[in-house]
C-alpha atoms as a PDB file:
ATOM      1  CA  MET A   1     -35.242 -36.603  25.329  1.00  0.00           C
ATOM      2  CA  ILE A   2     -36.783 -33.886  23.165  1.00  0.00           C
ATOM      3  CA  LYS A   3     -34.671 -31.275  24.924  1.00  0.00           C
ATOM      4  CA  CYS A   4     -31.521 -33.238  24.000  1.00  0.00           C
ATOM      5  CA  GLN A   5     -32.521 -33.262  20.321  1.00  0.00           C
ATOM      6  CA  PHE A   6     -33.122 -29.514  20.474  1.00  0.00           C
ATOM      7  CA  VAL A   7     -29.680 -28.962  21.958  1.00  0.00           C
ATOM      8  CA  GLU A   8     -28.056 -31.020  19.185  1.00  0.00           C
ATOM      9  CA  THR A   9     -30.035 -29.155  16.538  1.00  0.00           C
ATOM     10  CA  GLU A  10     -29.105 -25.822  18.102  1.00  0.00           C
ATOM     11  CA  VAL A  11     -25.437 -26.832  18.202  1.00  0.00           C
ATOM     12  CA  ASP A  12     -25.598 -27.936  14.564  1.00  0.00           C
ATOM     13  CA  ARG A  13     -27.211 -24.645  13.582  1.00  0.00           C
ATOM     14  CA  ARG A  14     -24.578 -22.635  15.440  1.00  0.00           C
ATOM     15  CA  ALA A  15     -21.778 -24.681  13.882  1.00  0.00           C
ATOM     16  CA  SER A  16     -23.288 -24.091  10.448  1.00  0.00           C
ATOM     17  CA  VAL A  17     -23.436 -20.326  11.072  1.00  0.00           C
ATOM     18  CA  ALA A  18     -19.851 -20.348  12.357  1.00  0.00           C
ATOM     19  CA  ARG A  19     -18.678 -22.235   9.254  1.00  0.00           C
ATOM     20  CA  GLU A  20     -20.420 -19.710   7.002  1.00  0.00           C
ATOM     21  CA  LEU A  21     -18.830 -16.808   8.895  1.00  0.00           C
ATOM     22  CA  LEU A  22     -15.440 -18.424   8.469  1.00  0.00           C
ATOM     23  CA  ARG A  23     -16.001 -18.977   4.725  1.00  0.00           C
ATOM     24  CA  SER A  24     -17.121 -15.355   4.345  1.00  0.00           C
ATOM     25  CA  GLU A  25     -14.052 -14.094   6.181  1.00  0.00           C
ATOM     26  CA  GLU A  26     -11.758 -16.260   4.034  1.00  0.00           C
ATOM     27  CA  SER A  27     -13.416 -14.924   0.874  1.00  0.00           C
ATOM     28  CA  TYR A  28     -13.103 -11.359   2.147  1.00  0.00           C
ATOM     29  CA  LEU A  29      -9.413 -11.888   2.868  1.00  0.00           C
ATOM     30  CA  GLN A  30      -8.893 -13.256  -0.646  1.00  0.00           C
ATOM     31  CA  THR A  31     -10.521 -10.113  -2.047  1.00  0.00           C
ATOM     32  CA  LEU A  32      -8.244  -7.924   0.062  1.00  0.00           C
ATOM     33  CA  ASP A  33      -5.254  -9.920  -1.199  1.00  0.00           C
ATOM     34  CA  VAL A  34      -6.347  -9.324  -4.809  1.00  0.00           C
ATOM     35  CA  ILE A  35      -6.617  -5.581  -4.162  1.00  0.00           C
ATOM     36  CA  HIS A  36      -3.189  -5.611  -2.523  1.00  0.00           C
ATOM     37  CA  ASN A  37      -1.484  -7.635  -5.243  1.00  0.00           C
ATOM     38  CA  THR A  38      -3.243  -6.123  -8.251  1.00  0.00           C
ATOM     39  CA  PHE A  39      -3.372  -2.462  -7.295  1.00  0.00           C
ATOM     40  CA  TYR A  40      -1.361  -1.558  -4.200  1.00  0.00           C
ATOM     41  CA  SER A  41       1.863  -3.460  -4.938  1.00  0.00           C
ATOM     42  CA  PRO A  42       2.236  -2.075  -8.490  1.00  0.00           C
ATOM     43  CA  CYS A  43       1.600   1.469  -7.235  1.00  0.00           C
ATOM     44  CA  GLU A  44       4.232   1.021  -4.528  1.00  0.00           C
ATOM     45  CA  ALA A  45       6.708  -0.455  -7.023  1.00  0.00           C
ATOM     46  CA  ALA A  46       6.121   2.467  -9.383  1.00  0.00           C
ATOM     47  CA  LEU A  47       6.725   4.911  -6.535  1.00  0.00           C
ATOM     48  CA  MET A  48       9.989   3.192  -5.635  1.00  0.00           C
ATOM     49  CA  SER A  49      11.213   3.308  -9.227  1.00  0.00           C
ATOM     50  CA  ASN A  50      10.288   6.983  -9.665  1.00  0.00           C
ATOM     51  CA  ARG A  51       7.696   6.072 -12.312  1.00  0.00           C
ATOM     52  CA  ALA A  52       4.632   6.725 -10.196  1.00  0.00           C
ATOM     53  CA  ILE A  53       1.282   7.237 -11.836  1.00  0.00           C
ATOM     54  CA  ILE A  54      -0.172   8.648  -8.608  1.00  0.00           C
ATOM     55  CA  SER A  55       1.453  10.382  -5.658  1.00  0.00           C
ATOM     56  CA  ALA A  56       2.570   8.642  -2.482  1.00  0.00           C
ATOM     57  CA  GLN A  57      -0.050  10.654  -0.614  1.00  0.00           C
ATOM     58  CA  ASN A  58      -2.809   9.326  -2.869  1.00  0.00           C
ATOM     59  CA  VAL A  59      -1.534   5.748  -2.558  1.00  0.00           C
ATOM     60  CA  LYS A  60      -1.699   6.126   1.210  1.00  0.00           C
ATOM     61  CA  LEU A  61      -5.157   7.683   1.010  1.00  0.00           C
ATOM     62  CA  LEU A  62      -6.486   4.940  -1.258  1.00  0.00           C
ATOM     63  CA  PHE A  63      -4.976   1.894   0.424  1.00  0.00           C
ATOM     64  CA  THR A  64      -4.523   2.598   4.150  1.00  0.00           C
ATOM     65  CA  ASP A  65      -7.886   1.095   5.089  1.00  0.00           C
ATOM     66  CA  VAL A  66      -7.355  -1.935   2.848  1.00  0.00           C
ATOM     67  CA  LEU A  67      -3.933  -2.593   4.380  1.00  0.00           C
ATOM     68  CA  GLN A  68      -5.296  -2.273   7.920  1.00  0.00           C
ATOM     69  CA  LEU A  69      -8.261  -4.551   7.189  1.00  0.00           C
ATOM     70  CA  ARG A  70      -5.936  -7.092   5.590  1.00  0.00           C
ATOM     71  CA  THR A  71      -3.724  -7.057   8.676  1.00  0.00           C
ATOM     72  CA  VAL A  72      -6.697  -7.570  10.989  1.00  0.00           C
ATOM     73  CA  SER A  73      -8.058 -10.385   8.841  1.00  0.00           C
ATOM     74  CA  ARG A  74      -4.702 -12.126   9.040  1.00  0.00           C
ATOM     75  CA  SER A  75      -4.458 -11.649  12.802  1.00  0.00           C
ATOM     76  CA  ALA A  76      -3.646 -14.470  15.179  1.00  0.00           C
ATOM     77  CA  GLN A  77      -7.181 -14.371  16.522  1.00  0.00           C
ATOM     78  CA  PHE A  78      -8.627 -15.210  13.092  1.00  0.00           C
ATOM     79  CA  THR A  79      -5.966 -17.881  12.556  1.00  0.00           C
ATOM     80  CA  GLU A  80      -6.941 -19.543  15.837  1.00  0.00           C
ATOM     81  CA  PHE A  81     -10.615 -19.435  14.869  1.00  0.00           C
ATOM     82  CA  SER A  82      -9.985 -20.915  11.429  1.00  0.00           C
ATOM     83  CA  SER A  83      -8.153 -23.891  12.927  1.00  0.00           C
ATOM     84  CA  PHE A  84     -11.171 -24.753  15.100  1.00  0.00           C
ATOM     85  CA  GLN A  85     -12.813 -27.993  14.007  1.00  0.00           C
ATOM     86  CA  PHE A  86     -16.593 -27.815  13.694  1.00  0.00           C
ATOM     87  CA  SER A  87     -18.663 -30.949  13.956  1.00  0.00           C
ATOM     88  CA  LYS A  88     -20.210 -32.229  10.697  1.00  0.00           C
END
């Protein structure tokens, strides 16, 4: 009987950790979206309208990693994980 309680506690603890990981990932994705919408998109729009404040090369240098991380965070694998229902 004690072993069963330990298993339930262990499952609860793991579910709690998984929920926190999911919340952290969602927060991280929101931050990446802010960077994209606040900084990257205006720089790209300025480049397209020939009113750039920095060069296309510098835009690429500054934002390539952010764009790649944003893509990974939005991947199907993360979407599947976020739809998982945790107990409690």
